[in-house]
Amino acid sequence: MKKIAYKFLILLSIVSFYNCDHDSIVPELEYVTFSKSSYSTGVDPGGSTSFDITVYASNISSSDRSFNVSVDASSNAAAGSYTVPSSVTIPAGSNEGALTVALTDTNLGIGVNNLVINFESSADYFSGASTTLSYIQNCTEVTATLDIIFDGYGSEVTWDITDSLGGVVVSGGGYADGQATASESITLCAGRDYTFTIYDSFGDGLSFPANGTYTLTLGGSVKASGGGNYGASESTAFDTN
């Protein structure tokens, strides 16, 4: 019995020695990632802004660390509307940094700009997936009003407005069950084409237990209206001329 115990202690000592030696020669794993997979913002007409994308590292270092980034070829952001630094720095004593992207109203026009950013491959660290910064041109020229009378189940109702390229420029809902009405003020660009879509998650529109209605007006003109049982969704094209 003593001989068995003695052999076990010898084996345990060898394993422990190996682990200690292994730990001493394998460096700590370095991993860097964006805090979110997607972000969204807007740029005022004729203006510029900056947007910080948070970056995290897996450990804290006593010195600054820089990680190279690049714009992915799948991006469809307007040329000249963005400036992305070639690297992001995580300062000493922290595991968090910020990649500051500069945006300007250059060639933005219609549509949602999707700027996809990657960490560049390196033998010095592992990196997480890409992130996408989506941005549009903020418009302040015209204001529409959406009025909804619910059927008793406001939580089922959502809506959005898309531009002529299919990008969602504004959305809303769901609301509270039992809520009688809602009124939304919506800012849009002048002289453009849009599509308003209202949805019902239950699939019976604004029809039970009482019929409801919705009306989208702009400058006293009704751009979209409906109600009752429109099913799961109903869309109306309109312009802001």
Protein backbone atom coordinates (compact mmCIF):
# COMPACT_ATOMS: atom_id res chain seq x y z
CA MET A 1 0.00 0.00 0.00
CA LYS A 2 2.83 2.36 0.91
CA LYS A 3 4.55 1.49 -2.38
CA ILE A 4 1.40 2.46 -4.34
CA ALA A 5 1.06 5.76 -2.47
CA TYR A 6 4.75 6.50 -3.03
CA LYS A 7 4.42 5.94 -6.78
CA PHE A 8 1.34 8.19 -6.87
CA LEU A 9 3.22 11.03 -5.14
CA ILE A 10 6.05 10.69 -7.63
CA LEU A 11 3.59 10.85 -10.52
CA LEU A 12 1.83 13.85 -9.00
CA SER A 13 5.15 15.65 -8.60
CA ILE A 14 6.01 15.05 -12.24
CA VAL A 15 2.63 16.34 -13.42
CA SER A 16 2.89 19.40 -11.18
CA PHE A 17 6.39 20.13 -12.43
CA TYR A 18 5.22 19.84 -16.04
CA ASN A 19 2.29 22.18 -15.47
CA CYS A 20 4.48 24.80 -13.80
CA ASP A 21 7.05 24.56 -16.52
CA HIS A 22 4.31 24.68 -19.18
CA ASP A 23 2.81 27.82 -17.65
CA SER A 24 6.17 29.52 -17.58
CA ILE A 25 6.81 29.17 -21.30
CA VAL A 26 3.29 29.76 -22.72
CA PRO A 27 2.38 33.47 -22.86
CA GLU A 28 -1.01 34.71 -21.72
CA LEU A 29 -3.58 34.60 -24.51
CA GLU A 30 -4.24 38.03 -26.08
CA TYR A 31 -7.74 38.55 -27.47
CA VAL A 32 -9.36 41.75 -28.76
CA THR A 33 -12.93 42.35 -29.87
CA PHE A 34 -15.49 45.04 -30.63
CA SER A 35 -18.06 45.49 -27.85
CA LYS A 36 -21.03 45.14 -30.24
CA SER A 37 -21.63 43.66 -33.68
CA SER A 38 -23.52 46.74 -34.94
CA TYR A 39 -24.02 50.44 -34.25
CA SER A 40 -26.15 53.17 -35.84
CA THR A 41 -26.02 56.96 -36.00
CA GLY A 42 -26.80 59.91 -38.29
CA VAL A 43 -25.06 62.91 -39.83
CA ASP A 44 -26.72 66.32 -40.10
CA PRO A 45 -27.06 67.78 -43.62
CA GLY A 46 -23.85 69.65 -44.44
CA GLY A 47 -22.35 68.61 -41.11
CA SER A 48 -19.91 66.18 -39.58
CA THR A 49 -19.67 64.08 -36.44
CA SER A 50 -17.57 61.40 -34.79
CA PHE A 51 -18.58 58.03 -33.38
CA ASP A 52 -16.69 55.94 -30.83
CA ILE A 53 -16.69 52.15 -31.20
CA THR A 54 -15.66 50.46 -27.95
CA VAL A 55 -12.96 47.81 -28.10
CA TYR A 56 -12.11 45.30 -25.36
CA ALA A 57 -8.97 43.23 -24.73
CA SER A 58 -8.86 40.02 -22.72
CA ASN A 59 -6.25 41.30 -20.30
CA ILE A 60 -4.68 44.43 -18.84
CA SER A 61 -1.17 45.46 -19.77
CA SER A 62 1.28 47.90 -18.18
CA SER A 63 1.88 49.51 -21.57
CA ASP A 64 -0.26 50.84 -24.44
CA ARG A 65 -1.30 48.29 -27.06
CA SER A 66 -2.30 49.01 -30.65
CA PHE A 67 -4.39 46.76 -32.90
CA ASN A 68 -4.68 47.29 -36.65
CA VAL A 69 -8.13 47.65 -38.22
CA SER A 70 -9.39 47.96 -41.77
CA VAL A 71 -12.60 48.65 -43.71
CA ASP A 72 -14.11 45.48 -45.18
CA ALA A 73 -14.78 45.28 -48.92
CA SER A 74 -18.45 44.50 -48.22
CA SER A 75 -19.03 48.06 -46.95
CA ASN A 76 -21.41 50.21 -49.01
CA ALA A 77 -20.77 53.52 -47.22
CA ALA A 78 -20.57 56.55 -49.50
CA ALA A 79 -17.06 57.43 -50.66
CA GLY A 80 -15.63 60.39 -48.76
CA SER A 81 -18.20 60.18 -45.96
CA TYR A 82 -15.97 58.40 -43.43
CA THR A 83 -12.46 58.25 -42.04
CA VAL A 84 -11.39 55.16 -40.10
CA PRO A 85 -8.02 55.15 -38.27
CA SER A 86 -5.65 52.35 -39.23
CA SER A 87 -5.39 51.19 -35.62
CA VAL A 88 -7.02 51.44 -32.21
CA THR A 89 -5.08 51.85 -28.96
CA ILE A 90 -5.93 50.33 -25.60
CA PRO A 91 -4.12 52.43 -22.98
CA ALA A 92 -1.88 51.02 -20.27
CA GLY A 93 -3.67 49.81 -17.16
CA SER A 94 -6.93 49.17 -19.01
CA ASN A 95 -8.59 46.54 -21.18
CA GLU A 96 -10.84 49.04 -22.96
CA GLY A 97 -10.23 51.44 -25.85
CA ALA A 98 -12.19 53.44 -28.41
CA LEU A 99 -11.96 53.48 -32.21
CA THR A 100 -13.10 56.97 -33.24
CA VAL A 101 -14.67 57.07 -36.72
CA ALA A 102 -15.15 60.47 -38.38
CA LEU A 103 -18.31 60.93 -40.49
CA THR A 104 -19.31 63.74 -42.85
CA ASP A 105 -22.29 64.53 -45.04
CA THR A 106 -20.43 63.74 -48.25
CA ASN A 107 -22.39 61.95 -50.98
CA LEU A 108 -24.79 60.52 -48.38
CA GLY A 109 -28.08 61.26 -50.11
CA ILE A 110 -30.61 58.43 -50.02
CA GLY A 111 -29.97 55.17 -48.25
CA VAL A 112 -28.29 53.63 -45.25
CA ASN A 113 -24.49 53.55 -45.27
CA ASN A 114 -23.02 50.36 -43.83
CA LEU A 115 -19.39 50.63 -42.78
CA VAL A 116 -17.96 47.18 -41.91
CA ILE A 117 -14.75 47.22 -39.85
CA ASN A 118 -12.41 44.30 -39.15
CA PHE A 119 -9.41 43.66 -36.98
CA GLU A 120 -6.49 42.75 -39.21
CA SER A 121 -5.01 39.29 -38.74
CA SER A 122 -1.91 39.05 -36.59
CA ALA A 123 0.26 36.37 -35.05
CA ASP A 124 0.39 38.44 -31.86
CA TYR A 125 -3.28 38.19 -30.91
CA PHE A 126 -6.67 36.64 -31.67
CA SER A 127 -9.56 38.89 -32.68
CA GLY A 128 -13.34 38.82 -32.64
CA ALA A 129 -15.81 39.29 -35.48
CA SER A 130 -16.28 42.47 -37.49
CA THR A 131 -18.60 45.31 -36.49
CA THR A 132 -20.92 47.40 -38.68
CA LEU A 133 -21.53 51.13 -38.25
CA SER A 134 -24.75 52.07 -40.09
CA TYR A 135 -25.44 55.77 -40.66
CA ILE A 136 -27.83 57.98 -42.61
CA GLN A 137 -28.21 61.63 -43.42
CA ASN A 138 -30.36 63.24 -40.75
CA CYS A 139 -33.19 65.24 -42.28
CA THR A 140 -35.08 68.08 -40.67
CA GLU A 141 -36.96 69.54 -43.64
CA VAL A 142 -40.42 68.01 -43.12
CA THR A 143 -42.34 66.53 -40.21
CA ALA A 144 -45.04 63.88 -40.59
CA THR A 145 -47.49 62.73 -37.93
CA LEU A 146 -48.58 59.13 -37.41
CA ASP A 147 -51.81 58.66 -35.44
CA ILE A 148 -52.89 55.17 -34.38
CA ILE A 149 -56.13 54.05 -32.73
CA PHE A 150 -55.49 50.58 -31.30
CA ASP A 151 -57.81 47.59 -31.20
CA GLY A 152 -56.89 46.85 -27.58
CA TYR A 153 -53.60 45.01 -28.29
CA GLY A 154 -51.02 47.73 -28.84
CA SER A 155 -48.16 45.35 -28.04
CA GLU A 156 -48.76 43.60 -31.38
CA VAL A 157 -48.30 46.76 -33.44
CA THR A 158 -45.01 48.01 -34.90
CA TRP A 159 -44.22 50.14 -37.96
CA ASP A 160 -41.35 51.47 -40.03
CA ILE A 161 -40.58 53.84 -42.88
CA THR A 162 -38.04 52.83 -45.51
CA ASP A 163 -36.35 54.96 -48.16
CA SER A 164 -36.29 54.23 -51.88
CA LEU A 165 -33.33 51.89 -51.42
CA GLY A 166 -35.11 49.83 -48.78
CA GLY A 167 -33.21 51.14 -45.76
CA VAL A 168 -35.21 51.69 -42.56
CA VAL A 169 -34.97 55.38 -41.65
CA VAL A 170 -37.37 55.37 -38.67
CA SER A 171 -39.45 52.79 -36.79
CA GLY A 172 -41.68 52.44 -33.75
CA GLY A 173 -43.75 50.16 -31.45
CA GLY A 174 -44.80 47.95 -29.86
CA TYR A 175 -47.07 49.77 -27.52
CA ALA A 176 -48.96 48.78 -24.39
CA ASP A 177 -51.98 46.49 -24.37
CA GLY A 178 -55.00 48.53 -23.40
CA GLN A 179 -53.42 51.73 -24.72
CA ALA A 180 -56.11 53.60 -26.65
CA THR A 181 -54.09 55.80 -29.04
CA ALA A 182 -50.60 56.87 -30.02
CA SER A 183 -49.26 59.86 -31.91
CA GLU A 184 -45.75 59.90 -33.36
CA SER A 185 -43.85 62.88 -34.82
CA ILE A 186 -41.56 61.74 -37.66
CA THR A 187 -38.82 63.82 -39.32
CA LEU A 188 -38.07 63.05 -42.96
CA CYS A 189 -36.19 64.49 -45.94
CA ALA A 190 -38.00 66.74 -48.39
CA GLY A 191 -38.54 65.64 -51.98
CA ARG A 192 -37.96 61.92 -51.47
CA ASP A 193 -39.86 58.66 -51.87
CA TYR A 194 -40.65 56.46 -48.88
CA THR A 195 -42.73 53.43 -47.92
CA PHE A 196 -44.72 53.23 -44.70
CA THR A 197 -45.40 49.71 -43.36
CA ILE A 198 -47.47 48.81 -40.32
CA TYR A 199 -47.20 45.32 -38.80
CA ASP A 200 -49.28 43.16 -36.48
CA SER A 201 -47.50 40.24 -34.81
CA PHE A 202 -50.76 38.30 -34.28
CA GLY A 203 -51.71 38.67 -37.94
CA ASP A 204 -55.16 40.26 -37.56
CA GLY A 205 -54.22 43.92 -38.04
CA LEU A 206 -56.24 46.41 -36.00
CA SER A 207 -59.40 44.34 -35.85
CA PHE A 208 -60.04 42.74 -32.46
CA PRO A 209 -61.81 43.24 -30.14
CA ALA A 210 -62.58 46.56 -31.88
CA ASN A 211 -61.50 48.00 -35.21
CA GLY A 212 -58.59 50.42 -35.04
CA THR A 213 -57.12 52.82 -37.59
CA TYR A 214 -53.84 54.49 -38.54
CA THR A 215 -53.21 57.74 -40.44
CA LEU A 216 -49.93 59.23 -41.63
CA THR A 217 -50.23 62.92 -42.51
CA LEU A 218 -47.77 65.45 -43.86
CA GLY A 219 -48.55 69.14 -44.23
CA GLY A 220 -52.28 68.45 -43.97
CA SER A 221 -52.11 65.75 -46.66
CA VAL A 222 -52.86 62.10 -45.83
CA LYS A 223 -49.98 59.98 -47.08
CA ALA A 224 -51.07 56.58 -45.72
CA SER A 225 -54.14 55.33 -43.90
CA GLY A 226 -55.95 52.11 -43.07
CA GLY A 227 -57.18 49.89 -40.30
CA GLY A 228 -59.26 46.85 -39.52
CA ASN A 229 -57.93 43.44 -40.49
CA TYR A 230 -54.92 44.14 -42.71
CA GLY A 231 -53.31 40.82 -41.73
CA ALA A 232 -49.68 40.71 -40.69
CA SER A 233 -48.67 43.92 -42.47
CA GLU A 234 -49.74 46.64 -44.87
CA SER A 235 -47.50 48.96 -46.91
CA THR A 236 -48.10 52.30 -48.60
CA ALA A 237 -45.67 54.19 -50.83
CA PHE A 238 -45.60 57.97 -50.44
CA ASP A 239 -43.44 61.01 -51.16
CA THR A 240 -42.51 64.18 -49.31
CA ASN A 241 -42.83 66.56 -52.26
